[in-house]
Amino acid sequence: MNPQITGNPLKITVYLLVISYFTGEFILPKYPFIYLINLIGILGIIISIIFFFYGFNLFNSYRENPLPNSDTNRLIKTGIFAYTRNPIYISFVLFHLSMFFVFGNVAYFLSSIGLFIWIDKIVIKKEEIFLNKKFGDEYIRYCNAVKRWLFF
């Protein structure tokens, strides 16, 4: 039994990065930012990479598969998962948004919005239904204690 999620969020994130690059370079106009915004974007890229690898390594340390369409045997509630239920998904959206701040490519901004909506409304919803059925009260307590997206 698994959450029945179609599409791999990592692959879709990478595909969107490639599409956003070409769309922003050859079709849409660029919006150059002041240097401070570029630095914030670089910091966002670094933070997104840290979130991704920290979350991914926790999955590996618990011998769990991080793919959302795989079955799971336990809830990971330690490390970064004590602060957010979806650090890897945060890293995907933050990476796209940060690329917008660094390069001024509006396609990265649009893809970050689309990615956020897809992950939040489809991927995470299906995962939450699956985890609620599988872990019951333990998962409900975890959801009450830890935010989905770090701040909300």
C-alpha atoms as a PDB file:
ATOM      1  CA  MET A   1       0.000   0.000   0.000  1.00  0.00           C
ATOM      2  CA  ASN A   2       1.304   3.482  -0.888  1.00  0.00           C
ATOM      3  CA  PRO A   3      -0.048   7.039  -1.374  1.00  0.00           C
ATOM      4  CA  GLN A   4      -0.748   6.521  -5.112  1.00  0.00           C
ATOM      5  CA  ILE A   5       1.044   9.680  -6.211  1.00  0.00           C
ATOM      6  CA  THR A   6       1.675   9.978  -9.914  1.00  0.00           C
ATOM      7  CA  GLY A   7       4.823  11.836 -10.828  1.00  0.00           C
ATOM      8  CA  ASN A   8       8.135  12.075  -9.053  1.00  0.00           C
ATOM      9  CA  PRO A   9       8.499  15.524  -7.433  1.00  0.00           C
ATOM     10  CA  LEU A  10      12.299  15.496  -7.840  1.00  0.00           C
ATOM     11  CA  LYS A  11      12.106  14.743 -11.558  1.00  0.00           C
ATOM     12  CA  ILE A  12       9.338  17.289 -12.067  1.00  0.00           C
ATOM     13  CA  THR A  13      11.410  19.885 -10.184  1.00  0.00           C
ATOM     14  CA  VAL A  14      14.395  19.252 -12.446  1.00  0.00           C
ATOM     15  CA  TYR A  15      12.229  19.324 -15.590  1.00  0.00           C
ATOM     16  CA  LEU A  16      10.742  22.635 -14.452  1.00  0.00           C
ATOM     17  CA  LEU A  17      14.240  24.040 -13.876  1.00  0.00           C
ATOM     18  CA  VAL A  18      15.237  23.184 -17.440  1.00  0.00           C
ATOM     19  CA  ILE A  19      11.982  24.496 -18.933  1.00  0.00           C
ATOM     20  CA  SER A  20      12.212  27.663 -16.821  1.00  0.00           C
ATOM     21  CA  TYR A  21      15.775  28.289 -17.942  1.00  0.00           C
ATOM     22  CA  PHE A  22      14.973  28.083 -21.640  1.00  0.00           C
ATOM     23  CA  THR A  23      11.690  29.970 -21.307  1.00  0.00           C
ATOM     24  CA  GLY A  24      13.342  32.737 -19.322  1.00  0.00           C
ATOM     25  CA  GLU A  25      16.382  32.978 -21.561  1.00  0.00           C
ATOM     26  CA  PHE A  26      14.629  32.987 -24.906  1.00  0.00           C
ATOM     27  CA  ILE A  27      10.972  33.966 -24.420  1.00  0.00           C
ATOM     28  CA  LEU A  28      10.240  35.957 -21.253  1.00  0.00           C
ATOM     29  CA  PRO A  29      11.995  39.179 -20.243  1.00  0.00           C
ATOM     30  CA  LYS A  30      14.456  39.220 -17.353  1.00  0.00           C
ATOM     31  CA  TYR A  31      14.101  41.461 -14.327  1.00  0.00           C
ATOM     32  CA  PRO A  32      17.492  42.349 -12.860  1.00  0.00           C
ATOM     33  CA  PHE A  33      17.492  42.831  -9.092  1.00  0.00           C
ATOM     34  CA  ILE A  34      19.726  44.813  -6.812  1.00  0.00           C
ATOM     35  CA  TYR A  35      22.765  43.004  -5.474  1.00  0.00           C
ATOM     36  CA  LEU A  36      21.182  42.374  -2.061  1.00  0.00           C
ATOM     37  CA  ILE A  37      18.311  40.397  -3.636  1.00  0.00           C
ATOM     38  CA  ASN A  38      20.865  38.338  -5.574  1.00  0.00           C
ATOM     39  CA  LEU A  39      22.652  37.538  -2.310  1.00  0.00           C
ATOM     40  CA  ILE A  40      19.369  36.527  -0.684  1.00  0.00           C
ATOM     41  CA  GLY A  41      18.806  34.228  -3.661  1.00  0.00           C
ATOM     42  CA  ILE A  42      22.234  32.648  -3.248  1.00  0.00           C
ATOM     43  CA  LEU A  43      21.529  32.125   0.458  1.00  0.00           C
ATOM     44  CA  GLY A  44      18.164  30.553  -0.480  1.00  0.00           C
ATOM     45  CA  ILE A  45      19.875  28.147  -2.878  1.00  0.00           C
ATOM     46  CA  ILE A  46      22.321  27.106  -0.161  1.00  0.00           C
ATOM     47  CA  ILE A  47      19.514  26.623   2.380  1.00  0.00           C
ATOM     48  CA  SER A  48      17.437  24.621  -0.105  1.00  0.00           C
ATOM     49  CA  ILE A  49      20.374  22.295  -0.792  1.00  0.00           C
ATOM     50  CA  ILE A  50      20.917  21.819   2.951  1.00  0.00           C
ATOM     51  CA  PHE A  51      17.208  21.068   3.495  1.00  0.00           C
ATOM     52  CA  PHE A  52      17.211  18.570   0.621  1.00  0.00           C
ATOM     53  CA  PHE A  53      20.268  16.596   1.691  1.00  0.00           C
ATOM     54  CA  TYR A  54      19.456  16.720   5.397  1.00  0.00           C
ATOM     55  CA  GLY A  55      15.938  15.378   4.767  1.00  0.00           C
ATOM     56  CA  PHE A  56      17.172  12.825   2.243  1.00  0.00           C
ATOM     57  CA  ASN A  57      19.893  11.573   4.590  1.00  0.00           C
ATOM     58  CA  LEU A  58      17.386  11.171   7.414  1.00  0.00           C
ATOM     59  CA  PHE A  59      15.248   8.992   5.146  1.00  0.00           C
ATOM     60  CA  ASN A  60      18.318   6.893   4.369  1.00  0.00           C
ATOM     61  CA  SER A  61      19.363   6.638   8.014  1.00  0.00           C
ATOM     62  CA  TYR A  62      15.916   5.208   8.846  1.00  0.00           C
ATOM     63  CA  ARG A  63      16.142   2.932   5.789  1.00  0.00           C
ATOM     64  CA  GLU A  64      13.068   4.556   4.249  1.00  0.00           C
ATOM     65  CA  ASN A  65      12.499   5.378   0.593  1.00  0.00           C
ATOM     66  CA  PRO A  66      12.010   9.154   0.103  1.00  0.00           C
ATOM     67  CA  LEU A  67       9.891   8.710  -3.031  1.00  0.00           C
ATOM     68  CA  PRO A  68       6.319   9.748  -2.229  1.00  0.00           C
ATOM     69  CA  ASN A  69       4.765   6.768  -4.025  1.00  0.00           C
ATOM     70  CA  SER A  70       6.576   4.237  -1.826  1.00  0.00           C
ATOM     71  CA  ASP A  71       5.344   2.503   1.277  1.00  0.00           C
ATOM     72  CA  THR A  72       6.718   3.498   4.665  1.00  0.00           C
ATOM     73  CA  ASN A  73       7.210   1.650   7.928  1.00  0.00           C
ATOM     74  CA  ARG A  74       7.745   4.539  10.335  1.00  0.00           C
ATOM     75  CA  LEU A  75       7.296   8.249  10.819  1.00  0.00           C
ATOM     76  CA  ILE A  76      10.466  10.284  10.833  1.00  0.00           C
ATOM     77  CA  LYS A  77      10.034  12.920  13.540  1.00  0.00           C
ATOM     78  CA  THR A  78      13.629  13.812  14.364  1.00  0.00           C
ATOM     79  CA  GLY A  79      16.112  16.275  12.925  1.00  0.00           C
ATOM     80  CA  ILE A  80      14.617  18.702  10.457  1.00  0.00           C
ATOM     81  CA  PHE A  81      11.367  16.705  10.507  1.00  0.00           C
ATOM     82  CA  ALA A  82      10.823  18.024  14.045  1.00  0.00           C
ATOM     83  CA  TYR A  83      10.374  21.509  12.503  1.00  0.00           C
ATOM     84  CA  THR A  84       8.685  20.782   9.180  1.00  0.00           C
ATOM     85  CA  ARG A  85       6.924  17.728   7.815  1.00  0.00           C
ATOM     86  CA  ASN A  86       8.171  18.365   4.261  1.00  0.00           C
ATOM     87  CA  PRO A  87      11.754  19.663   4.171  1.00  0.00           C
ATOM     88  CA  ILE A  88      12.501  18.122   0.789  1.00  0.00           C
ATOM     89  CA  TYR A  89       9.457  19.776  -0.795  1.00  0.00           C
ATOM     90  CA  ILE A  90      10.425  23.073   0.817  1.00  0.00           C
ATOM     91  CA  SER A  91      13.836  22.713  -0.775  1.00  0.00           C
ATOM     92  CA  PHE A  92      12.282  22.263  -4.238  1.00  0.00           C
ATOM     93  CA  VAL A  93      10.110  25.375  -4.024  1.00  0.00           C
ATOM     94  CA  LEU A  94      12.805  27.465  -2.315  1.00  0.00           C
ATOM     95  CA  PHE A  95      15.348  26.492  -4.961  1.00  0.00           C
ATOM     96  CA  HIS A  96      13.105  27.731  -7.789  1.00  0.00           C
ATOM     97  CA  LEU A  97      12.259  30.940  -5.952  1.00  0.00           C
ATOM     98  CA  SER A  98      15.930  31.551  -5.177  1.00  0.00           C
ATOM     99  CA  MET A  99      16.882  31.012  -8.813  1.00  0.00           C
ATOM    100  CA  PHE A 100      14.437  33.815  -9.644  1.00  0.00           C
ATOM    101  CA  PHE A 101      16.172  36.112  -7.139  1.00  0.00           C
ATOM    102  CA  VAL A 102      19.621  35.288  -8.501  1.00  0.00           C
ATOM    103  CA  PHE A 103      18.914  35.393 -12.236  1.00  0.00           C
ATOM    104  CA  GLY A 104      15.800  37.581 -12.543  1.00  0.00           C
ATOM    105  CA  ASN A 105      14.190  34.918 -14.711  1.00  0.00           C
ATOM    106  CA  VAL A 106      10.432  35.210 -14.144  1.00  0.00           C
ATOM    107  CA  ALA A 107       9.908  31.631 -15.360  1.00  0.00           C
ATOM    108  CA  TYR A 108      11.602  30.388 -12.166  1.00  0.00           C
ATOM    109  CA  PHE A 109       9.154  32.454 -10.123  1.00  0.00           C
ATOM    110  CA  LEU A 110       6.161  31.087 -12.030  1.00  0.00           C
ATOM    111  CA  SER A 111       7.443  27.524 -11.739  1.00  0.00           C
ATOM    112  CA  SER A 112       7.945  27.955  -7.975  1.00  0.00           C
ATOM    113  CA  ILE A 113       4.292  28.984  -7.630  1.00  0.00           C
ATOM    114  CA  GLY A 114       3.084  26.090  -9.784  1.00  0.00           C
ATOM    115  CA  LEU A 115       5.325  23.628  -7.985  1.00  0.00           C
ATOM    116  CA  PHE A 116       4.116  24.846  -4.586  1.00  0.00           C
ATOM    117  CA  ILE A 117       0.458  24.500  -5.575  1.00  0.00           C
ATOM    118  CA  TRP A 118       0.956  21.009  -7.058  1.00  0.00           C
ATOM    119  CA  ILE A 119       2.971  19.737  -4.093  1.00  0.00           C
ATOM    120  CA  ASP A 120       0.676  21.315  -1.488  1.00  0.00           C
ATOM    121  CA  LYS A 121      -2.708  20.471  -3.008  1.00  0.00           C
ATOM    122  CA  ILE A 122      -1.983  17.092  -4.598  1.00  0.00           C
ATOM    123  CA  VAL A 123       1.215  15.397  -3.431  1.00  0.00           C
ATOM    124  CA  ILE A 124       1.118  16.291   0.266  1.00  0.00           C
ATOM    125  CA  LYS A 125      -2.653  15.788   0.527  1.00  0.00           C
ATOM    126  CA  LYS A 126      -2.339  12.226  -0.789  1.00  0.00           C
ATOM    127  CA  GLU A 127       0.638  11.552   1.473  1.00  0.00           C
ATOM    128  CA  GLU A 128      -1.254  12.866   4.497  1.00  0.00           C
ATOM    129  CA  ILE A 129      -4.293  10.688   3.782  1.00  0.00           C
ATOM    130  CA  PHE A 130      -2.037   7.641   3.426  1.00  0.00           C
ATOM    131  CA  LEU A 131      -0.026   8.398   6.574  1.00  0.00           C
ATOM    132  CA  ASN A 132      -3.176   9.115   8.568  1.00  0.00           C
ATOM    133  CA  LYS A 133      -4.606   5.722   7.595  1.00  0.00           C
ATOM    134  CA  LYS A 134      -1.339   3.939   8.310  1.00  0.00           C
ATOM    135  CA  PHE A 135      -0.278   5.614  11.578  1.00  0.00           C
ATOM    136  CA  GLY A 136      -3.552   7.050  12.920  1.00  0.00           C
ATOM    137  CA  ASP A 137      -3.275   8.986  16.190  1.00  0.00           C
ATOM    138  CA  GLU A 138       0.520   9.082  16.098  1.00  0.00           C
ATOM    139  CA  TYR A 139       0.413  10.939  12.774  1.00  0.00           C
ATOM    140  CA  ILE A 140      -2.354  13.279  13.959  1.00  0.00           C
ATOM    141  CA  ARG A 141      -0.259  14.221  17.022  1.00  0.00           C
ATOM    142  CA  TYR A 142       2.738  14.793  14.757  1.00  0.00           C
ATOM    143  CA  CYS A 143       0.665  17.022  12.436  1.00  0.00           C
ATOM    144  CA  ASN A 144      -0.573  19.036  15.410  1.00  0.00           C
ATOM    145  CA  ALA A 145       2.981  19.522  16.678  1.00  0.00           C
ATOM    146  CA  VAL A 146       4.819  20.192  13.390  1.00  0.00           C
ATOM    147  CA  LYS A 147       3.864  22.529  10.531  1.00  0.00           C
ATOM    148  CA  ARG A 148       3.536  21.302   6.972  1.00  0.00           C
ATOM    149  CA  TRP A 149       5.603  24.103   5.394  1.00  0.00           C
ATOM    150  CA  LEU A 150       7.794  25.300   8.284  1.00  0.00           C
ATOM    151  CA  PHE A 151       5.700  28.415   9.038  1.00  0.00           C
ATOM    152  CA  PHE A 152       2.193  27.235   8.111  1.00  0.00           C
END
